[in-house]
Amino acid sequence: LHEGLAAAGAALWIVAAMNAFNFLDNMNGVLAGVVAALCAPFFALALALDQVAVAALLAVSFGACAGFLPHNFPRARIFLGDGGSQALGYW
């Protein structure tokens, strides 16, 4: 019973995080800025813990979001959409 409750809670948490990031996508530049700001300290932490693969993925995510930011400020020319925002929320 306890494992089933834990799995349901974890699934609910993941869906809630994805939905929260999807809501952030309605304002220009906010979602990519938040993700870039979250990736930077976690990158440093992953390097400090010798988690090289995680650090590499965080560096790629940071670079992608930082590179996307200039194109997503007003007058935004590119949008993440549901697929991009939910993928970042899952990550």
PDB file of N, CA and C in Angstrom:
ATOM      1  N   LEU A   1       0.833  -1.197   0.000  1.00  0.00           N
ATOM      2  CA  LEU A   1       0.000   0.000   0.000  1.00  0.00           C
ATOM      3  C   LEU A   1       0.873   1.254   0.000  1.00  0.00           C
ATOM      4  N   HIS A   2       1.939   1.231   0.810  1.00  0.00           N
ATOM      5  CA  HIS A   2       2.805   2.405   0.918  1.00  0.00           C
ATOM      6  C   HIS A   2       3.536   2.693  -0.393  1.00  0.00           C
ATOM      7  N   GLU A   3       3.993   1.630  -1.081  1.00  0.00           N
ATOM      8  CA  GLU A   3       4.702   1.824  -2.348  1.00  0.00           C
ATOM      9  C   GLU A   3       3.776   2.392  -3.418  1.00  0.00           C
ATOM     10  N   GLY A   4       2.538   1.954  -3.425  1.00  0.00           N
ATOM     11  CA  GLY A   4       1.567   2.472  -4.389  1.00  0.00           C
ATOM     12  C   GLY A   4       1.269   3.942  -4.152  1.00  0.00           C
ATOM     13  N   LEU A   5       1.163   4.332  -2.894  1.00  0.00           N
ATOM     14  CA  LEU A   5       0.942   5.743  -2.557  1.00  0.00           C
ATOM     15  C   LEU A   5       2.140   6.581  -2.946  1.00  0.00           C
ATOM     16  N   ALA A   6       3.346   6.064  -2.729  1.00  0.00           N
ATOM     17  CA  ALA A   6       4.559   6.785  -3.087  1.00  0.00           C
ATOM     18  C   ALA A   6       4.658   6.962  -4.603  1.00  0.00           C
ATOM     19  N   ALA A   7       4.322   5.932  -5.358  1.00  0.00           N
ATOM     20  CA  ALA A   7       4.366   6.022  -6.820  1.00  0.00           C
ATOM     21  C   ALA A   7       3.328   7.015  -7.333  1.00  0.00           C
ATOM     22  N   ALA A   8       2.138   6.997  -6.748  1.00  0.00           N
ATOM     23  CA  ALA A   8       1.109   7.949  -7.166  1.00  0.00           C
ATOM     24  C   ALA A   8       1.513   9.375  -6.821  1.00  0.00           C
ATOM     25  N   GLY A   9       2.118   9.566  -5.654  1.00  0.00           N
ATOM     26  CA  GLY A   9       2.586  10.899  -5.273  1.00  0.00           C
ATOM     27  C   GLY A   9       3.696  11.394  -6.179  1.00  0.00           C
ATOM     28  N   ALA A  10       4.613  10.505  -6.561  1.00  0.00           N
ATOM     29  CA  ALA A  10       5.698  10.888  -7.467  1.00  0.00           C
ATOM     30  C   ALA A  10       5.150  11.267  -8.840  1.00  0.00           C
ATOM     31  N   ALA A  11       4.204  10.485  -9.346  1.00  0.00           N
ATOM     32  CA  ALA A  11       3.605  10.796 -10.642  1.00  0.00           C
ATOM     33  C   ALA A  11       2.860  12.120 -10.587  1.00  0.00           C
ATOM     34  N   LEU A  12       2.148  12.373  -9.506  1.00  0.00           N
ATOM     35  CA  LEU A  12       1.436  13.637  -9.352  1.00  0.00           C
ATOM     36  C   LEU A  12       2.414  14.811  -9.290  1.00  0.00           C
ATOM     37  N   TRP A  13       3.538  14.628  -8.596  1.00  0.00           N
ATOM     38  CA  TRP A  13       4.553  15.680  -8.496  1.00  0.00           C
ATOM     39  C   TRP A  13       5.154  16.002  -9.865  1.00  0.00           C
ATOM     40  N   ILE A  14       5.448  14.983 -10.651  1.00  0.00           N
ATOM     41  CA  ILE A  14       6.031  15.201 -11.982  1.00  0.00           C
ATOM     42  C   ILE A  14       5.040  15.935 -12.873  1.00  0.00           C
ATOM     43  N   VAL A  15       3.783  15.528 -12.856  1.00  0.00           N
ATOM     44  CA  VAL A  15       2.767  16.196 -13.678  1.00  0.00           C
ATOM     45  C   VAL A  15       2.565  17.639 -13.220  1.00  0.00           C
ATOM     46  N   ALA A  16       2.591  17.877 -11.910  1.00  0.00           N
ATOM     47  CA  ALA A  16       2.433  19.244 -11.395  1.00  0.00           C
ATOM     48  C   ALA A  16       3.604  20.126 -11.809  1.00  0.00           C
ATOM     49  N   ALA A  17       4.816  19.596 -11.771  1.00  0.00           N
ATOM     50  CA  ALA A  17       5.988  20.374 -12.190  1.00  0.00           C
ATOM     51  C   ALA A  17       5.917  20.690 -13.677  1.00  0.00           C
ATOM     52  N   MET A  18       5.533  19.719 -14.478  1.00  0.00           N
ATOM     53  CA  MET A  18       5.401  19.958 -15.918  1.00  0.00           C
ATOM     54  C   MET A  18       4.359  21.029 -16.190  1.00  0.00           C
ATOM     55  N   ASN A  19       3.243  20.984 -15.467  1.00  0.00           N
ATOM     56  CA  ASN A  19       2.175  21.964 -15.659  1.00  0.00           C
ATOM     57  C   ASN A  19       2.617  23.353 -15.208  1.00  0.00           C
ATOM     58  N   ALA A  20       3.365  23.429 -14.124  1.00  0.00           N
ATOM     59  CA  ALA A  20       3.856  24.722 -13.642  1.00  0.00           C
ATOM     60  C   ALA A  20       4.799  25.348 -14.660  1.00  0.00           C
ATOM     61  N   PHE A  21       5.680  24.566 -15.252  1.00  0.00           N
ATOM     62  CA  PHE A  21       6.581  25.096 -16.274  1.00  0.00           C
ATOM     63  C   PHE A  21       5.801  25.482 -17.527  1.00  0.00           C
ATOM     64  N   ASN A  22       4.740  24.750 -17.822  1.00  0.00           N
ATOM     65  CA  ASN A  22       3.907  25.117 -18.967  1.00  0.00           C
ATOM     66  C   ASN A  22       3.232  26.468 -18.738  1.00  0.00           C
ATOM     67  N   PHE A  23       2.806  26.735 -17.503  1.00  0.00           N
ATOM     68  CA  PHE A  23       2.204  28.038 -17.185  1.00  0.00           C
ATOM     69  C   PHE A  23       3.214  29.171 -17.303  1.00  0.00           C
ATOM     70  N   LEU A  24       4.489  28.908 -17.003  1.00  0.00           N
ATOM     71  CA  LEU A  24       5.516  29.941 -17.109  1.00  0.00           C
ATOM     72  C   LEU A  24       5.802  30.335 -18.557  1.00  0.00           C
ATOM     73  N   ASP A  25       5.412  29.490 -19.491  1.00  0.00           N
ATOM     74  CA  ASP A  25       5.724  29.740 -20.897  1.00  0.00           C
ATOM     75  C   ASP A  25       4.869  30.850 -21.494  1.00  0.00           C
ATOM     76  N   ASN A  26       3.854  31.352 -20.766  1.00  0.00           N
ATOM     77  CA  ASN A  26       2.986  32.368 -21.358  1.00  0.00           C
ATOM     78  C   ASN A  26       3.621  33.758 -21.356  1.00  0.00           C
ATOM     79  N   MET A  27       4.709  33.942 -20.591  1.00  0.00           N
ATOM     80  CA  MET A  27       5.384  35.240 -20.544  1.00  0.00           C
ATOM     81  C   MET A  27       6.715  35.123 -21.277  1.00  0.00           C
ATOM     82  N   ASN A  28       7.019  36.107 -22.097  1.00  0.00           N
ATOM     83  CA  ASN A  28       8.221  36.041 -22.924  1.00  0.00           C
ATOM     84  C   ASN A  28       9.483  35.994 -22.078  1.00  0.00           C
ATOM     85  N   GLY A  29      10.306  34.992 -22.311  1.00  0.00           N
ATOM     86  CA  GLY A  29      11.603  34.891 -21.681  1.00  0.00           C
ATOM     87  C   GLY A  29      11.631  34.327 -20.281  1.00  0.00           C
ATOM     88  N   VAL A  30      10.489  34.138 -19.651  1.00  0.00           N
ATOM     89  CA  VAL A  30      10.491  33.715 -18.245  1.00  0.00           C
ATOM     90  C   VAL A  30      10.917  32.259 -18.107  1.00  0.00           C
ATOM     91  N   LEU A  31      10.345  31.384 -18.887  1.00  0.00           N
ATOM     92  CA  LEU A  31      10.636  29.966 -18.720  1.00  0.00           C
ATOM     93  C   LEU A  31      12.096  29.655 -19.018  1.00  0.00           C
ATOM     94  N   ALA A  32      12.606  30.157 -20.114  1.00  0.00           N
ATOM     95  CA  ALA A  32      14.003  29.886 -20.450  1.00  0.00           C
ATOM     96  C   ALA A  32      14.938  30.503 -19.415  1.00  0.00           C
ATOM     97  N   GLY A  33      14.598  31.656 -18.895  1.00  0.00           N
ATOM     98  CA  GLY A  33      15.410  32.277 -17.852  1.00  0.00           C
ATOM     99  C   GLY A  33      15.392  31.489 -16.562  1.00  0.00           C
ATOM    100  N   VAL A  34      14.236  30.981 -16.178  1.00  0.00           N
ATOM    101  CA  VAL A  34      14.126  30.182 -14.949  1.00  0.00           C
ATOM    102  C   VAL A  34      14.923  28.884 -15.092  1.00  0.00           C
ATOM    103  N   VAL A  35      14.798  28.231 -16.229  1.00  0.00           N
ATOM    104  CA  VAL A  35      15.516  26.975 -16.428  1.00  0.00           C
ATOM    105  C   VAL A  35      17.023  27.220 -16.455  1.00  0.00           C
ATOM    106  N   ALA A  36      17.459  28.287 -17.114  1.00  0.00           N
ATOM    107  CA  ALA A  36      18.892  28.602 -17.127  1.00  0.00           C
ATOM    108  C   ALA A  36      19.378  28.921 -15.719  1.00  0.00           C
ATOM    109  N   ALA A  37      18.581  29.647 -14.958  1.00  0.00           N
ATOM    110  CA  ALA A  37      18.961  29.981 -13.588  1.00  0.00           C
ATOM    111  C   ALA A  37      18.982  28.748 -12.687  1.00  0.00           C
ATOM    112  N   LEU A  38      18.160  27.760 -12.967  1.00  0.00           N
ATOM    113  CA  LEU A  38      18.172  26.525 -12.186  1.00  0.00           C
ATOM    114  C   LEU A  38      19.314  25.598 -12.593  1.00  0.00           C
ATOM    115  N   CYS A  39      19.677  25.620 -13.866  1.00  0.00           N
ATOM    116  CA  CYS A  39      20.733  24.724 -14.344  1.00  0.00           C
ATOM    117  C   CYS A  39      22.105  25.121 -13.816  1.00  0.00           C
ATOM    118  N   ALA A  40      22.360  26.410 -13.656  1.00  0.00           N
ATOM    119  CA  ALA A  40      23.696  26.863 -13.257  1.00  0.00           C
ATOM    120  C   ALA A  40      24.129  26.328 -11.889  1.00  0.00           C
ATOM    121  N   PRO A  41      23.340  26.495 -10.818  1.00  0.00           N
ATOM    122  CA  PRO A  41      23.816  25.952  -9.530  1.00  0.00           C
ATOM    123  C   PRO A  41      23.820  24.426  -9.486  1.00  0.00           C
ATOM    124  N   PHE A  42      22.873  23.785 -10.165  1.00  0.00           N
ATOM    125  CA  PHE A  42      22.875  22.325 -10.187  1.00  0.00           C
ATOM    126  C   PHE A  42      24.069  21.791 -10.970  1.00  0.00           C
ATOM    127  N   PHE A  43      24.525  22.536 -11.971  1.00  0.00           N
ATOM    128  CA  PHE A  43      25.733  22.173 -12.704  1.00  0.00           C
ATOM    129  C   PHE A  43      26.937  22.186 -11.768  1.00  0.00           C
ATOM    130  N   ALA A  44      27.060  23.247 -10.976  1.00  0.00           N
ATOM    131  CA  ALA A  44      28.171  23.344 -10.027  1.00  0.00           C
ATOM    132  C   ALA A  44      28.098  22.224  -8.993  1.00  0.00           C
ATOM    133  N   LEU A  45      26.905  21.916  -8.522  1.00  0.00           N
ATOM    134  CA  LEU A  45      26.738  20.838  -7.555  1.00  0.00           C
ATOM    135  C   LEU A  45      27.095  19.481  -8.161  1.00  0.00           C
ATOM    136  N   ALA A  46      26.672  19.251  -9.403  1.00  0.00           N
ATOM    137  CA  ALA A  46      26.987  17.984 -10.061  1.00  0.00           C
ATOM    138  C   ALA A  46      28.494  17.837 -10.253  1.00  0.00           C
ATOM    139  N   LEU A  47      29.183  18.916 -10.607  1.00  0.00           N
ATOM    140  CA  LEU A  47      30.640  18.845 -10.731  1.00  0.00           C
ATOM    141  C   LEU A  47      31.296  18.577  -9.378  1.00  0.00           C
ATOM    142  N   ALA A  48      30.781  19.208  -8.328  1.00  0.00           N
ATOM    143  CA  ALA A  48      31.353  18.995  -6.996  1.00  0.00           C
ATOM    144  C   ALA A  48      31.163  17.556  -6.533  1.00  0.00           C
ATOM    145  N   LEU A  49      30.107  16.904  -6.989  1.00  0.00           N
ATOM    146  CA  LEU A  49      29.830  15.518  -6.607  1.00  0.00           C
ATOM    147  C   LEU A  49      30.361  14.510  -7.618  1.00  0.00           C
ATOM    148  N   ASP A  50      31.161  14.979  -8.580  1.00  0.00           N
ATOM    149  CA  ASP A  50      31.765  14.128  -9.622  1.00  0.00           C
ATOM    150  C   ASP A  50      30.726  13.394 -10.464  1.00  0.00           C
ATOM    151  N   GLN A  51      29.606  14.038 -10.712  1.00  0.00           N
ATOM    152  CA  GLN A  51      28.569  13.493 -11.588  1.00  0.00           C
ATOM    153  C   GLN A  51      28.727  14.150 -12.967  1.00  0.00           C
ATOM    154  N   VAL A  52      29.676  13.639 -13.731  1.00  0.00           N
ATOM    155  CA  VAL A  52      30.062  14.298 -14.979  1.00  0.00           C
ATOM    156  C   VAL A  52      28.949  14.240 -16.017  1.00  0.00           C
ATOM    157  N   ALA A  53      28.245  13.125 -16.118  1.00  0.00           N
ATOM    158  CA  ALA A  53      27.176  13.005 -17.114  1.00  0.00           C
ATOM    159  C   ALA A  53      26.031  13.963 -16.800  1.00  0.00           C
ATOM    160  N   VAL A  54      25.668  14.069 -15.538  1.00  0.00           N
ATOM    161  CA  VAL A  54      24.605  14.996 -15.138  1.00  0.00           C
ATOM    162  C   VAL A  54      25.049  16.429 -15.398  1.00  0.00           C
ATOM    163  N   ALA A  55      26.304  16.734 -15.078  1.00  0.00           N
ATOM    164  CA  ALA A  55      26.834  18.079 -15.318  1.00  0.00           C
ATOM    165  C   ALA A  55      26.821  18.407 -16.806  1.00  0.00           C
ATOM    166  N   ALA A  56      27.135  17.445 -17.645  1.00  0.00           N
ATOM    167  CA  ALA A  56      27.117  17.687 -19.085  1.00  0.00           C
ATOM    168  C   ALA A  56      25.694  17.971 -19.575  1.00  0.00           C
ATOM    169  N   LEU A  57      24.723  17.205 -19.092  1.00  0.00           N
ATOM    170  CA  LEU A  57      23.335  17.443 -19.491  1.00  0.00           C
ATOM    171  C   LEU A  57      22.841  18.807 -19.009  1.00  0.00           C
ATOM    172  N   LEU A  58      23.253  19.191 -17.803  1.00  0.00           N
ATOM    173  CA  LEU A  58      22.862  20.506 -17.291  1.00  0.00           C
ATOM    174  C   LEU A  58      23.524  21.624 -18.085  1.00  0.00           C
ATOM    175  N   ALA A  59      24.766  21.426 -18.490  1.00  0.00           N
ATOM    176  CA  ALA A  59      25.450  22.436 -19.303  1.00  0.00           C
ATOM    177  C   ALA A  59      24.770  22.589 -20.659  1.00  0.00           C
ATOM    178  N   VAL A  60      24.351  21.487 -21.244  1.00  0.00           N
ATOM    179  CA  VAL A  60      23.650  21.546 -22.528  1.00  0.00           C
ATOM    180  C   VAL A  60      22.301  22.245 -22.360  1.00  0.00           C
ATOM    181  N   SER A  61      21.588  21.919 -21.295  1.00  0.00           N
ATOM    182  CA  SER A  61      20.301  22.575 -21.044  1.00  0.00           C
ATOM    183  C   SER A  61      20.471  24.066 -20.808  1.00  0.00           C
ATOM    184  N   PHE A  62      21.491  24.439 -20.035  1.00  0.00           N
ATOM    185  CA  PHE A  62      21.775  25.853 -19.800  1.00  0.00           C
ATOM    186  C   PHE A  62      22.087  26.570 -21.111  1.00  0.00           C
ATOM    187  N   GLY A  63      22.937  25.973 -21.919  1.00  0.00           N
ATOM    188  CA  GLY A  63      23.304  26.591 -23.193  1.00  0.00           C
ATOM    189  C   GLY A  63      22.126  26.731 -24.140  1.00  0.00           C
ATOM    190  N   ALA A  64      21.271  25.714 -24.172  1.00  0.00           N
ATOM    191  CA  ALA A  64      20.102  25.775 -25.052  1.00  0.00           C
ATOM    192  C   ALA A  64      19.146  26.879 -24.606  1.00  0.00           C
ATOM    193  N   CYS A  65      18.899  26.976 -23.308  1.00  0.00           N
ATOM    194  CA  CYS A  65      17.977  27.997 -22.800  1.00  0.00           C
ATOM    195  C   CYS A  65      18.580  29.395 -22.928  1.00  0.00           C
ATOM    196  N   ALA A  66      19.876  29.534 -22.641  1.00  0.00           N
ATOM    197  CA  ALA A  66      20.524  30.841 -22.771  1.00  0.00           C
ATOM    198  C   ALA A  66      20.575  31.285 -24.229  1.00  0.00           C
ATOM    199  N   GLY A  67      20.777  30.346 -25.133  1.00  0.00           N
ATOM    200  CA  GLY A  67      20.772  30.675 -26.552  1.00  0.00           C
ATOM    201  C   GLY A  67      19.386  30.995 -27.080  1.00  0.00           C
ATOM    202  N   PHE A  68      18.377  30.436 -26.447  1.00  0.00           N
ATOM    203  CA  PHE A  68      16.989  30.673 -26.851  1.00  0.00           C
ATOM    204  C   PHE A  68      16.466  32.018 -26.357  1.00  0.00           C
ATOM    205  N   LEU A  69      17.015  32.516 -25.247  1.00  0.00           N
ATOM    206  CA  LEU A  69      16.494  33.739 -24.621  1.00  0.00           C
ATOM    207  C   LEU A  69      16.433  34.952 -25.546  1.00  0.00           C
ATOM    208  N   PRO A  70      17.459  35.276 -26.329  1.00  0.00           N
ATOM    209  CA  PRO A  70      17.364  36.478 -27.176  1.00  0.00           C
ATOM    210  C   PRO A  70      16.223  36.422 -28.195  1.00  0.00           C
ATOM    211  N   HIS A  71      15.812  35.225 -28.568  1.00  0.00           N
ATOM    212  CA  HIS A  71      14.736  35.086 -29.550  1.00  0.00           C
ATOM    213  C   HIS A  71      13.355  35.060 -28.905  1.00  0.00           C
ATOM    214  N   ASN A  72      13.288  35.078 -27.579  1.00  0.00           N
ATOM    215  CA  ASN A  72      12.016  34.930 -26.895  1.00  0.00           C
ATOM    216  C   ASN A  72      11.618  36.151 -26.074  1.00  0.00           C
ATOM    217  N   PHE A  73      12.347  37.239 -26.208  1.00  0.00           N
ATOM    218  CA  PHE A  73      11.940  38.470 -25.534  1.00  0.00           C
ATOM    219  C   PHE A  73      11.035  39.267 -26.460  1.00  0.00           C
ATOM    220  N   PRO A  74      10.267  40.230 -25.919  1.00  0.00           N
ATOM    221  CA  PRO A  74       9.329  40.961 -26.773  1.00  0.00           C
ATOM    222  C   PRO A  74      10.040  41.590 -27.946  1.00  0.00           C
ATOM    223  N   ARG A  75       9.492  41.593 -28.896  1.00  0.00           N
ATOM    224  CA  ARG A  75       8.722  40.897 -29.866  1.00  0.00           C
ATOM    225  C   ARG A  75       9.278  39.507 -30.087  1.00  0.00           C
ATOM    226  N   ALA A  76       8.716  38.571 -29.398  1.00  0.00           N
ATOM    227  CA  ALA A  76       9.185  37.188 -29.467  1.00  0.00           C
ATOM    228  C   ALA A  76       8.981  36.623 -30.861  1.00  0.00           C
ATOM    229  N   ARG A  77      10.019  35.989 -31.372  1.00  0.00           N
ATOM    230  CA  ARG A  77       9.959  35.397 -32.710  1.00  0.00           C
ATOM    231  C   ARG A  77       9.826  33.881 -32.648  1.00  0.00           C
ATOM    232  N   ILE A  78      10.231  33.282 -31.532  1.00  0.00           N
ATOM    233  CA  ILE A  78      10.166  31.830 -31.367  1.00  0.00           C
ATOM    234  C   ILE A  78       9.523  31.537 -30.007  1.00  0.00           C
ATOM    235  N   PHE A  79       8.660  30.541 -29.965  1.00  0.00           N
ATOM    236  CA  PHE A  79       8.017  30.128 -28.720  1.00  0.00           C
ATOM    237  C   PHE A  79       8.320  28.657 -28.467  1.00  0.00           C
ATOM    238  N   LEU A  80       8.372  28.265 -27.209  1.00  0.00           N
ATOM    239  CA  LEU A  80       8.603  26.865 -26.866  1.00  0.00           C
ATOM    240  C   LEU A  80       7.383  26.006 -27.153  1.00  0.00           C
ATOM    241  N   GLY A  81       6.223  26.521 -26.852  1.00  0.00           N
ATOM    242  CA  GLY A  81       5.013  25.734 -27.039  1.00  0.00           C
ATOM    243  C   GLY A  81       4.851  24.718 -25.926  1.00  0.00           C
ATOM    244  N   ASP A  82       3.813  23.912 -26.015  1.00  0.00           N
ATOM    245  CA  ASP A  82       3.541  22.913 -24.973  1.00  0.00           C
ATOM    246  C   ASP A  82       4.617  21.844 -24.934  1.00  0.00           C
ATOM    247  N   GLY A  83       5.078  21.409 -26.073  1.00  0.00           N
ATOM    248  CA  GLY A  83       6.083  20.345 -26.098  1.00  0.00           C
ATOM    249  C   GLY A  83       7.385  20.777 -25.453  1.00  0.00           C
ATOM    250  N   GLY A  84       7.843  21.965 -25.754  1.00  0.00           N
ATOM    251  CA  GLY A  84       9.107  22.448 -25.194  1.00  0.00           C
ATOM    252  C   GLY A  84       9.005  22.746 -23.709  1.00  0.00           C
ATOM    253  N   SER A  85       7.917  23.404 -23.309  1.00  0.00           N
ATOM    254  CA  SER A  85       7.794  23.760 -21.895  1.00  0.00           C
ATOM    255  C   SER A  85       7.570  22.523 -21.026  1.00  0.00           C
ATOM    256  N   GLN A  86       6.814  21.576 -21.507  1.00  0.00           N
ATOM    257  CA  GLN A  86       6.592  20.372 -20.705  1.00  0.00           C
ATOM    258  C   GLN A  86       7.839  19.491 -20.673  1.00  0.00           C
ATOM    259  N   ALA A  87       8.605  19.489 -21.743  1.00  0.00           N
ATOM    260  CA  ALA A  87       9.866  18.737 -21.732  1.00  0.00           C
ATOM    261  C   ALA A  87      10.835  19.343 -20.721  1.00  0.00           C
ATOM    262  N   LEU A  88      10.929  20.677 -20.683  1.00  0.00           N
ATOM    263  CA  LEU A  88      11.785  21.316 -19.693  1.00  0.00           C
ATOM    264  C   LEU A  88      11.256  21.095 -18.277  1.00  0.00           C
ATOM    265  N   GLY A  89       9.947  21.075 -18.103  1.00  0.00           N
ATOM    266  CA  GLY A  89       9.368  20.803 -16.795  1.00  0.00           C
ATOM    267  C   GLY A  89       9.642  19.377 -16.339  1.00  0.00           C
ATOM    268  N   TYR A  90       9.632  18.447 -17.244  1.00  0.00           N
ATOM    269  CA  TYR A  90       9.946  17.056 -16.905  1.00  0.00           C
ATOM    270  C   TYR A  90      11.414  16.916 -16.559  1.00  0.00           C
ATOM    271  N   TRP A  91      12.270  17.592 -17.318  1.00  0.00           N
ATOM    272  CA  TRP A  91      13.709  17.516 -17.078  1.00  0.00           C
ATOM    273  C   TRP A  91      14.057  18.122 -15.756  1.00  0.00           C
TER     274      TRP A  91
END
